[in-house]
């Protein structure tokens, strides 16, 4: 699993206080030889464990991103950046739209801020730090519903559009990254339906074998990353390794 990592490698997990992010940190600690893992959370700081440096981070605050990037740059060879943050709904009433009649500017801005603008800023500050020699990966959680070609149901306007925009950023970043680090990848990942608060209101129609625990999801995603090669950069892949159309 992520066989290119070793004791001199540095990994960054953004959104490590969420279900998938926390599971990724645990999996990296248990199943890889990575040296230092930087784990960030927005509202809650992830636990500080062996080989883990934990921080509270607002991905929309460039000063915070720049400060963390400076610390990461001092720590060693950055080989993995994984953005596990995302927003679909909130307890305060933000929910996926069933019709264009439900669209509101504030909701659009909130969804795009977390799902698109934040990852864009993470890319700005951390892509330049990825190792220029050997394998390195910049990955972000996307979603199958962000595929324009695959969209058959409509609805969920803000979430779908924010993930589609994220997928374009991933493609753009991959082109620029290839010029400075030919062996590095920039990809999006669809984790499937994972038993976290994000998916909780939408789990009723999911078959039990298709509802993954965060730990299962994290292992699936890391296994997919381990199989990818530079030619796969810029694409989006599902938890089972299937390539998702744009």
C-alpha atoms as a PDB file:
ATOM      1  CA  UNK A   1       0.000   0.000   0.000  1.00  0.00           C
ATOM      2  CA  UNK A   2       1.561   3.266  -1.190  1.00  0.00           C
ATOM      3  CA  UNK A   3       4.795   1.387  -1.665  1.00  0.00           C
ATOM      4  CA  UNK A   4       6.616   4.558  -2.695  1.00  0.00           C
ATOM      5  CA  UNK A   5       6.469   5.943   0.847  1.00  0.00           C
ATOM      6  CA  UNK A   6       9.342   5.439   3.266  1.00  0.00           C
ATOM      7  CA  UNK A   7      10.589   6.748   6.588  1.00  0.00           C
ATOM      8  CA  UNK A   8      11.785   9.977   4.988  1.00  0.00           C
ATOM      9  CA  UNK A   9       8.376  10.666   3.437  1.00  0.00           C
ATOM     10  CA  UNK A  10       5.881  13.269   4.610  1.00  0.00           C
ATOM     11  CA  UNK A  11       2.115  12.985   4.154  1.00  0.00           C
ATOM     12  CA  UNK A  12      -0.582  15.623   4.690  1.00  0.00           C
ATOM     13  CA  UNK A  13      -4.228  14.750   5.348  1.00  0.00           C
ATOM     14  CA  UNK A  14      -6.584  17.730   5.192  1.00  0.00           C
ATOM     15  CA  UNK A  15      -9.900  17.048   6.930  1.00  0.00           C
ATOM     16  CA  UNK A  16      -8.510  14.458   9.338  1.00  0.00           C
ATOM     17  CA  UNK A  17     -11.166  15.139  11.974  1.00  0.00           C
ATOM     18  CA  UNK A  18     -13.830  13.654   9.664  1.00  0.00           C
ATOM     19  CA  UNK A  19     -14.600   9.976   9.254  1.00  0.00           C
ATOM     20  CA  UNK A  20     -12.617   9.245   6.089  1.00  0.00           C
ATOM     21  CA  UNK A  21      -9.789  11.622   6.975  1.00  0.00           C
ATOM     22  CA  UNK A  22      -9.292  10.101  10.427  1.00  0.00           C
ATOM     23  CA  UNK A  23      -9.346   6.613   8.921  1.00  0.00           C
ATOM     24  CA  UNK A  24      -6.744   7.647   6.356  1.00  0.00           C
ATOM     25  CA  UNK A  25      -4.415   8.848   9.091  1.00  0.00           C
ATOM     26  CA  UNK A  26      -4.858   5.544  10.942  1.00  0.00           C
ATOM     27  CA  UNK A  27      -4.253   3.533   7.780  1.00  0.00           C
ATOM     28  CA  UNK A  28      -1.131   5.491   6.916  1.00  0.00           C
ATOM     29  CA  UNK A  29       0.232   4.912  10.402  1.00  0.00           C
ATOM     30  CA  UNK A  30      -0.526   1.196  10.363  1.00  0.00           C
ATOM     31  CA  UNK A  31       0.109   0.144   6.782  1.00  0.00           C
ATOM     32  CA  UNK A  32       2.869   2.359   5.413  1.00  0.00           C
ATOM     33  CA  UNK A  33       6.372   3.397   6.334  1.00  0.00           C
ATOM     34  CA  UNK A  34       5.604   7.107   6.066  1.00  0.00           C
ATOM     35  CA  UNK A  35       7.718   9.212   8.396  1.00  0.00           C
ATOM     36  CA  UNK A  36       5.558  12.171   9.425  1.00  0.00           C
ATOM     37  CA  UNK A  37       1.827  12.674   8.902  1.00  0.00           C
ATOM     38  CA  UNK A  38       0.396  16.179   9.157  1.00  0.00           C
ATOM     39  CA  UNK A  39      -3.284  15.882  10.086  1.00  0.00           C
ATOM     40  CA  UNK A  40      -5.624  18.869  10.060  1.00  0.00           C
ATOM     41  CA  UNK A  41      -9.194  19.442  11.132  1.00  0.00           C
ATOM     42  CA  UNK A  42     -11.450  22.472  10.818  1.00  0.00           C
ATOM     43  CA  UNK A  43     -13.601  22.550  13.954  1.00  0.00           C
ATOM     44  CA  UNK A  44     -11.659  19.972  15.961  1.00  0.00           C
ATOM     45  CA  UNK A  45      -7.953  19.252  16.018  1.00  0.00           C
ATOM     46  CA  UNK A  46      -7.211  15.584  15.246  1.00  0.00           C
ATOM     47  CA  UNK A  47      -5.486  13.594  17.996  1.00  0.00           C
ATOM     48  CA  UNK A  48      -1.718  13.810  18.123  1.00  0.00           C
ATOM     49  CA  UNK A  49      -0.398  10.270  17.771  1.00  0.00           C
ATOM     50  CA  UNK A  50       2.987   8.742  17.118  1.00  0.00           C
ATOM     51  CA  UNK A  51       4.369  10.189  13.844  1.00  0.00           C
ATOM     52  CA  UNK A  52       1.365  12.543  13.586  1.00  0.00           C
ATOM     53  CA  UNK A  53       1.487  16.324  13.886  1.00  0.00           C
ATOM     54  CA  UNK A  54      -2.058  17.607  14.409  1.00  0.00           C
ATOM     55  CA  UNK A  55      -3.363  21.088  13.613  1.00  0.00           C
ATOM     56  CA  UNK A  56      -6.605  23.023  13.459  1.00  0.00           C
ATOM     57  CA  UNK A  57      -6.859  24.500   9.969  1.00  0.00           C
ATOM     58  CA  UNK A  58      -9.334  26.589   7.998  1.00  0.00           C
ATOM     59  CA  UNK A  59      -8.675  25.756   4.338  1.00  0.00           C
ATOM     60  CA  UNK A  60     -10.156  29.117   3.352  1.00  0.00           C
ATOM     61  CA  UNK A  61      -7.583  30.985   5.468  1.00  0.00           C
ATOM     62  CA  UNK A  62      -4.507  31.463   3.306  1.00  0.00           C
ATOM     63  CA  UNK A  63      -2.359  32.616   6.209  1.00  0.00           C
ATOM     64  CA  UNK A  64      -3.044  29.316   7.989  1.00  0.00           C
ATOM     65  CA  UNK A  65      -2.316  27.349   4.833  1.00  0.00           C
ATOM     66  CA  UNK A  66       0.922  29.210   4.233  1.00  0.00           C
ATOM     67  CA  UNK A  67       2.065  28.622   7.824  1.00  0.00           C
ATOM     68  CA  UNK A  68       1.349  24.907   7.629  1.00  0.00           C
ATOM     69  CA  UNK A  69       3.011  24.649   4.217  1.00  0.00           C
ATOM     70  CA  UNK A  70       6.148  26.242   5.643  1.00  0.00           C
ATOM     71  CA  UNK A  71       6.222  23.684   8.459  1.00  0.00           C
ATOM     72  CA  UNK A  72       5.625  20.793   6.033  1.00  0.00           C
ATOM     73  CA  UNK A  73       8.407  22.060   3.789  1.00  0.00           C
ATOM     74  CA  UNK A  74      10.842  21.775   6.703  1.00  0.00           C
ATOM     75  CA  UNK A  75       9.788  18.239   7.665  1.00  0.00           C
ATOM     76  CA  UNK A  76      11.091  16.192   4.753  1.00  0.00           C
ATOM     77  CA  UNK A  77      10.113  14.924   1.321  1.00  0.00           C
ATOM     78  CA  UNK A  78       6.412  15.572   0.706  1.00  0.00           C
ATOM     79  CA  UNK A  79       4.995  12.542  -1.099  1.00  0.00           C
ATOM     80  CA  UNK A  80       1.278  12.626  -0.367  1.00  0.00           C
ATOM     81  CA  UNK A  81      -1.356  15.331   0.053  1.00  0.00           C
ATOM     82  CA  UNK A  82      -4.889  14.040   0.586  1.00  0.00           C
ATOM     83  CA  UNK A  83      -7.859  16.420   0.880  1.00  0.00           C
ATOM     84  CA  UNK A  84     -10.614  14.555   2.714  1.00  0.00           C
ATOM     85  CA  UNK A  85     -12.829  17.534   3.532  1.00  0.00           C
ATOM     86  CA  UNK A  86     -16.214  18.147   1.936  1.00  0.00           C
ATOM     87  CA  UNK A  87     -19.681  19.580   2.483  1.00  0.00           C
ATOM     88  CA  UNK A  88     -23.097  18.284   1.390  1.00  0.00           C
ATOM     89  CA  UNK A  89     -25.502  19.361   4.125  1.00  0.00           C
ATOM     90  CA  UNK A  90     -25.540  20.949   7.580  1.00  0.00           C
ATOM     91  CA  UNK A  91     -27.715  20.600  10.716  1.00  0.00           C
ATOM     92  CA  UNK A  92     -28.785  24.208  10.186  1.00  0.00           C
ATOM     93  CA  UNK A  93     -30.753  23.316   7.079  1.00  0.00           C
ATOM     94  CA  UNK A  94     -28.369  23.298   4.144  1.00  0.00           C
ATOM     95  CA  UNK A  95     -29.425  20.347   1.989  1.00  0.00           C
ATOM     96  CA  UNK A  96     -29.081  19.086  -1.597  1.00  0.00           C
ATOM     97  CA  UNK A  97     -31.525  20.859  -3.906  1.00  0.00           C
ATOM     98  CA  UNK A  98     -34.193  18.779  -5.643  1.00  0.00           C
ATOM     99  CA  UNK A  99     -35.066  21.603  -8.040  1.00  0.00           C
ATOM    100  CA  UNK A 100     -33.642  24.828  -9.407  1.00  0.00           C
ATOM    101  CA  UNK A 101     -36.366  26.552  -7.359  1.00  0.00           C
ATOM    102  CA  UNK A 102     -34.376  25.708  -4.219  1.00  0.00           C
ATOM    103  CA  UNK A 103     -31.171  27.417  -5.326  1.00  0.00           C
ATOM    104  CA  UNK A 104     -29.891  30.140  -3.001  1.00  0.00           C
ATOM    105  CA  UNK A 105     -26.766  32.231  -3.372  1.00  0.00           C
ATOM    106  CA  UNK A 106     -25.635  31.698   0.229  1.00  0.00           C
ATOM    107  CA  UNK A 107     -25.895  27.915  -0.092  1.00  0.00           C
ATOM    108  CA  UNK A 108     -24.042  27.904  -3.396  1.00  0.00           C
ATOM    109  CA  UNK A 109     -21.254  29.994  -1.901  1.00  0.00           C
ATOM    110  CA  UNK A 110     -20.988  27.742   1.160  1.00  0.00           C
ATOM    111  CA  UNK A 111     -20.832  24.511  -0.842  1.00  0.00           C
ATOM    112  CA  UNK A 112     -18.342  25.860  -3.391  1.00  0.00           C
ATOM    113  CA  UNK A 113     -16.171  27.344  -0.651  1.00  0.00           C
ATOM    114  CA  UNK A 114     -15.557  23.986   1.002  1.00  0.00           C
ATOM    115  CA  UNK A 115     -15.692  21.649  -2.000  1.00  0.00           C
ATOM    116  CA  UNK A 116     -13.904  23.764  -4.618  1.00  0.00           C
ATOM    117  CA  UNK A 117     -12.283  26.955  -3.361  1.00  0.00           C
ATOM    118  CA  UNK A 118     -10.653  25.344  -0.322  1.00  0.00           C
ATOM    119  CA  UNK A 119      -9.016  22.512  -2.298  1.00  0.00           C
ATOM    120  CA  UNK A 120      -7.875  25.080  -4.864  1.00  0.00           C
ATOM    121  CA  UNK A 121      -6.045  27.012  -2.150  1.00  0.00           C
ATOM    122  CA  UNK A 122      -4.580  23.823  -0.700  1.00  0.00           C
ATOM    123  CA  UNK A 123      -3.239  23.093  -4.172  1.00  0.00           C
ATOM    124  CA  UNK A 124      -1.748  26.559  -4.449  1.00  0.00           C
ATOM    125  CA  UNK A 125       0.275  26.111  -1.261  1.00  0.00           C
ATOM    126  CA  UNK A 126       1.112  22.390  -1.297  1.00  0.00           C
ATOM    127  CA  UNK A 127       1.542  21.351  -4.934  1.00  0.00           C
ATOM    128  CA  UNK A 128       4.847  23.278  -5.131  1.00  0.00           C
ATOM    129  CA  UNK A 129       6.112  21.256  -2.164  1.00  0.00           C
ATOM    130  CA  UNK A 130       5.556  17.816  -3.714  1.00  0.00           C
ATOM    131  CA  UNK A 131       8.793  15.969  -4.352  1.00  0.00           C
ATOM    132  CA  UNK A 132      10.128  16.608  -7.842  1.00  0.00           C
ATOM    133  CA  UNK A 133      11.893  13.247  -7.912  1.00  0.00           C
ATOM    134  CA  UNK A 134      10.053   9.941  -7.743  1.00  0.00           C
ATOM    135  CA  UNK A 135       6.394   9.216  -7.087  1.00  0.00           C
ATOM    136  CA  UNK A 136       4.179  11.723  -5.283  1.00  0.00           C
ATOM    137  CA  UNK A 137       0.400  12.170  -5.145  1.00  0.00           C
ATOM    138  CA  UNK A 138      -1.984  15.078  -4.644  1.00  0.00           C
ATOM    139  CA  UNK A 139      -5.486  13.612  -4.167  1.00  0.00           C
ATOM    140  CA  UNK A 140      -8.865  15.091  -3.288  1.00  0.00           C
ATOM    141  CA  UNK A 141     -12.172  13.459  -2.443  1.00  0.00           C
ATOM    142  CA  UNK A 142     -14.526  14.055  -5.331  1.00  0.00           C
ATOM    143  CA  UNK A 143     -17.822  12.293  -6.111  1.00  0.00           C
ATOM    144  CA  UNK A 144     -19.389  10.307  -8.909  1.00  0.00           C
ATOM    145  CA  UNK A 145     -22.234  12.836  -8.975  1.00  0.00           C
ATOM    146  CA  UNK A 146     -19.684  15.384 -10.175  1.00  0.00           C
ATOM    147  CA  UNK A 147     -19.505  13.582 -13.514  1.00  0.00           C
ATOM    148  CA  UNK A 148     -21.372  15.553 -16.185  1.00  0.00           C
ATOM    149  CA  UNK A 149     -21.642  12.583 -18.535  1.00  0.00           C
ATOM    150  CA  UNK A 150     -22.904  10.256 -15.797  1.00  0.00           C
ATOM    151  CA  UNK A 151     -25.633  12.629 -14.593  1.00  0.00           C
ATOM    152  CA  UNK A 152     -29.018  11.012 -15.271  1.00  0.00           C
ATOM    153  CA  UNK A 153     -31.095  12.288 -12.346  1.00  0.00           C
ATOM    154  CA  UNK A 154     -30.361  16.006 -12.039  1.00  0.00           C
ATOM    155  CA  UNK A 155     -30.820  17.806  -8.748  1.00  0.00           C
ATOM    156  CA  UNK A 156     -28.177  18.321  -6.077  1.00  0.00           C
ATOM    157  CA  UNK A 157     -27.144  21.358  -8.115  1.00  0.00           C
ATOM    158  CA  UNK A 158     -24.589  22.985  -5.830  1.00  0.00           C
ATOM    159  CA  UNK A 159     -22.893  19.753  -4.763  1.00  0.00           C
ATOM    160  CA  UNK A 160     -22.719  18.336  -8.295  1.00  0.00           C
ATOM    161  CA  UNK A 161     -21.415  21.605  -9.725  1.00  0.00           C
ATOM    162  CA  UNK A 162     -18.840  22.085  -6.946  1.00  0.00           C
ATOM    163  CA  UNK A 163     -17.437  18.593  -7.532  1.00  0.00           C
ATOM    164  CA  UNK A 164     -17.433  19.059 -11.308  1.00  0.00           C
ATOM    165  CA  UNK A 165     -15.459  22.269 -10.780  1.00  0.00           C
ATOM    166  CA  UNK A 166     -13.095  20.427  -8.443  1.00  0.00           C
ATOM    167  CA  UNK A 167     -12.541  17.813 -11.153  1.00  0.00           C
ATOM    168  CA  UNK A 168     -11.547  20.557 -13.587  1.00  0.00           C
ATOM    169  CA  UNK A 169      -9.088  21.954 -11.054  1.00  0.00           C
ATOM    170  CA  UNK A 170      -7.594  18.487 -10.671  1.00  0.00           C
ATOM    171  CA  UNK A 171      -7.127  18.284 -14.424  1.00  0.00           C
ATOM    172  CA  UNK A 172      -5.584  21.753 -14.565  1.00  0.00           C
ATOM    173  CA  UNK A 173      -3.279  21.026 -11.641  1.00  0.00           C
ATOM    174  CA  UNK A 174      -2.154  17.747 -13.212  1.00  0.00           C
ATOM    175  CA  UNK A 175      -1.004  19.530 -16.364  1.00  0.00           C
ATOM    176  CA  UNK A 176       0.994  22.098 -14.460  1.00  0.00           C
ATOM    177  CA  UNK A 177       2.375  19.494 -12.039  1.00  0.00           C
ATOM    178  CA  UNK A 178       3.660  17.301 -14.875  1.00  0.00           C
ATOM    179  CA  UNK A 179       5.996  20.081 -15.993  1.00  0.00           C
ATOM    180  CA  UNK A 180       7.874  20.160 -12.689  1.00  0.00           C
ATOM    181  CA  UNK A 181       7.424  16.608 -11.372  1.00  0.00           C
ATOM    182  CA  UNK A 182       6.881  14.106 -14.213  1.00  0.00           C
ATOM    183  CA  UNK A 183       6.306  11.142 -11.893  1.00  0.00           C
ATOM    184  CA  UNK A 184       3.768  12.907  -9.671  1.00  0.00           C
ATOM    185  CA  UNK A 185      -0.009  12.544  -9.924  1.00  0.00           C
ATOM    186  CA  UNK A 186      -2.973  14.771  -9.203  1.00  0.00           C
ATOM    187  CA  UNK A 187      -6.251  12.822  -8.990  1.00  0.00           C
ATOM    188  CA  UNK A 188      -9.773  12.870  -7.638  1.00  0.00           C
ATOM    189  CA  UNK A 189     -11.248   9.950  -5.707  1.00  0.00           C
ATOM    190  CA  UNK A 190     -14.851   8.819  -5.246  1.00  0.00           C
ATOM    191  CA  UNK A 191     -15.049   6.891  -1.953  1.00  0.00           C
ATOM    192  CA  UNK A 192     -18.439   5.293  -2.530  1.00  0.00           C
ATOM    193  CA  UNK A 193     -21.052   5.626   0.197  1.00  0.00           C
ATOM    194  CA  UNK A 194     -19.284   5.730   3.542  1.00  0.00           C
ATOM    195  CA  UNK A 195     -20.950   5.513   6.942  1.00  0.00           C
ATOM    196  CA  UNK A 196     -20.240   9.083   8.031  1.00  0.00           C
ATOM    197  CA  UNK A 197     -22.441  12.059   8.967  1.00  0.00           C
ATOM    198  CA  UNK A 198     -22.148  13.337   5.385  1.00  0.00           C
ATOM    199  CA  UNK A 199     -23.990  10.319   3.958  1.00  0.00           C
ATOM    200  CA  UNK A 200     -26.230   9.530   6.930  1.00  0.00           C
ATOM    201  CA  UNK A 201     -29.462  11.069   5.543  1.00  0.00           C
ATOM    202  CA  UNK A 202     -29.004   9.197   2.255  1.00  0.00           C
ATOM    203  CA  UNK A 203     -28.106   5.677   3.399  1.00  0.00           C
ATOM    204  CA  UNK A 204     -31.598   4.156   3.350  1.00  0.00           C
ATOM    205  CA  UNK A 205     -31.424   3.005  -0.273  1.00  0.00           C
ATOM    206  CA  UNK A 206     -27.825   1.749  -0.053  1.00  0.00           C
ATOM    207  CA  UNK A 207     -27.287  -2.009   0.019  1.00  0.00           C
ATOM    208  CA  UNK A 208     -25.415  -3.083   3.176  1.00  0.00           C
ATOM    209  CA  UNK A 209     -22.456  -4.418   1.196  1.00  0.00           C
ATOM    210  CA  UNK A 210     -22.118  -1.035  -0.532  1.00  0.00           C
ATOM    211  CA  UNK A 211     -22.066   0.974   2.696  1.00  0.00           C
ATOM    212  CA  UNK A 212     -18.433   1.144   3.745  1.00  0.00           C
ATOM    213  CA  UNK A 213     -17.000   1.916   7.124  1.00  0.00           C
ATOM    214  CA  UNK A 214     -14.462   4.757   7.109  1.00  0.00           C
ATOM    215  CA  UNK A 215     -11.689   2.233   7.688  1.00  0.00           C
ATOM    216  CA  UNK A 216     -12.789   0.142   4.687  1.00  0.00           C
ATOM    217  CA  UNK A 217     -13.039   3.244   2.530  1.00  0.00           C
ATOM    218  CA  UNK A 218      -9.588   4.466   3.514  1.00  0.00           C
ATOM    219  CA  UNK A 219      -7.997   1.135   2.609  1.00  0.00           C
ATOM    220  CA  UNK A 220      -9.825   1.037  -0.732  1.00  0.00           C
ATOM    221  CA  UNK A 221      -8.665   4.551  -1.608  1.00  0.00           C
ATOM    222  CA  UNK A 222      -5.050   3.957  -0.654  1.00  0.00           C
ATOM    223  CA  UNK A 223      -5.037   0.729  -2.667  1.00  0.00           C
ATOM    224  CA  UNK A 224      -6.340   2.624  -5.698  1.00  0.00           C
ATOM    225  CA  UNK A 225      -3.647   5.267  -5.320  1.00  0.00           C
ATOM    226  CA  UNK A 226      -0.971   2.595  -5.119  1.00  0.00           C
ATOM    227  CA  UNK A 227      -2.013   1.225  -8.519  1.00  0.00           C
ATOM    228  CA  UNK A 228      -2.050   4.551 -10.371  1.00  0.00           C
ATOM    229  CA  UNK A 229       0.717   5.702 -12.675  1.00  0.00           C
ATOM    230  CA  UNK A 230       1.685   9.150 -14.061  1.00  0.00           C
ATOM    231  CA  UNK A 231      -0.493   8.581 -17.145  1.00  0.00           C
ATOM    232  CA  UNK A 232      -3.534   8.492 -14.807  1.00  0.00           C
ATOM    233  CA  UNK A 233      -2.908  12.003 -13.520  1.00  0.00           C
ATOM    234  CA  UNK A 234      -5.785  14.432 -13.965  1.00  0.00           C
ATOM    235  CA  UNK A 235      -8.541  11.802 -13.778  1.00  0.00           C
ATOM    236  CA  UNK A 236     -11.076  10.779 -11.146  1.00  0.00           C
ATOM    237  CA  UNK A 237     -11.252   7.217  -9.856  1.00  0.00           C
ATOM    238  CA  UNK A 238     -13.819   5.335  -7.787  1.00  0.00           C
ATOM    239  CA  UNK A 239     -13.025   3.276  -4.695  1.00  0.00           C
ATOM    240  CA  UNK A 240     -12.782   0.132  -6.860  1.00  0.00           C
ATOM    241  CA  UNK A 241     -10.298   1.644  -9.299  1.00  0.00           C
ATOM    242  CA  UNK A 242     -12.905   2.405 -11.988  1.00  0.00           C
ATOM    243  CA  UNK A 243     -12.181   5.568 -13.925  1.00  0.00           C
ATOM    244  CA  UNK A 244     -15.061   8.066 -13.762  1.00  0.00           C
ATOM    245  CA  UNK A 245     -15.930  10.048 -16.864  1.00  0.00           C
ATOM    246  CA  UNK A 246     -15.849  13.821 -16.709  1.00  0.00           C
END
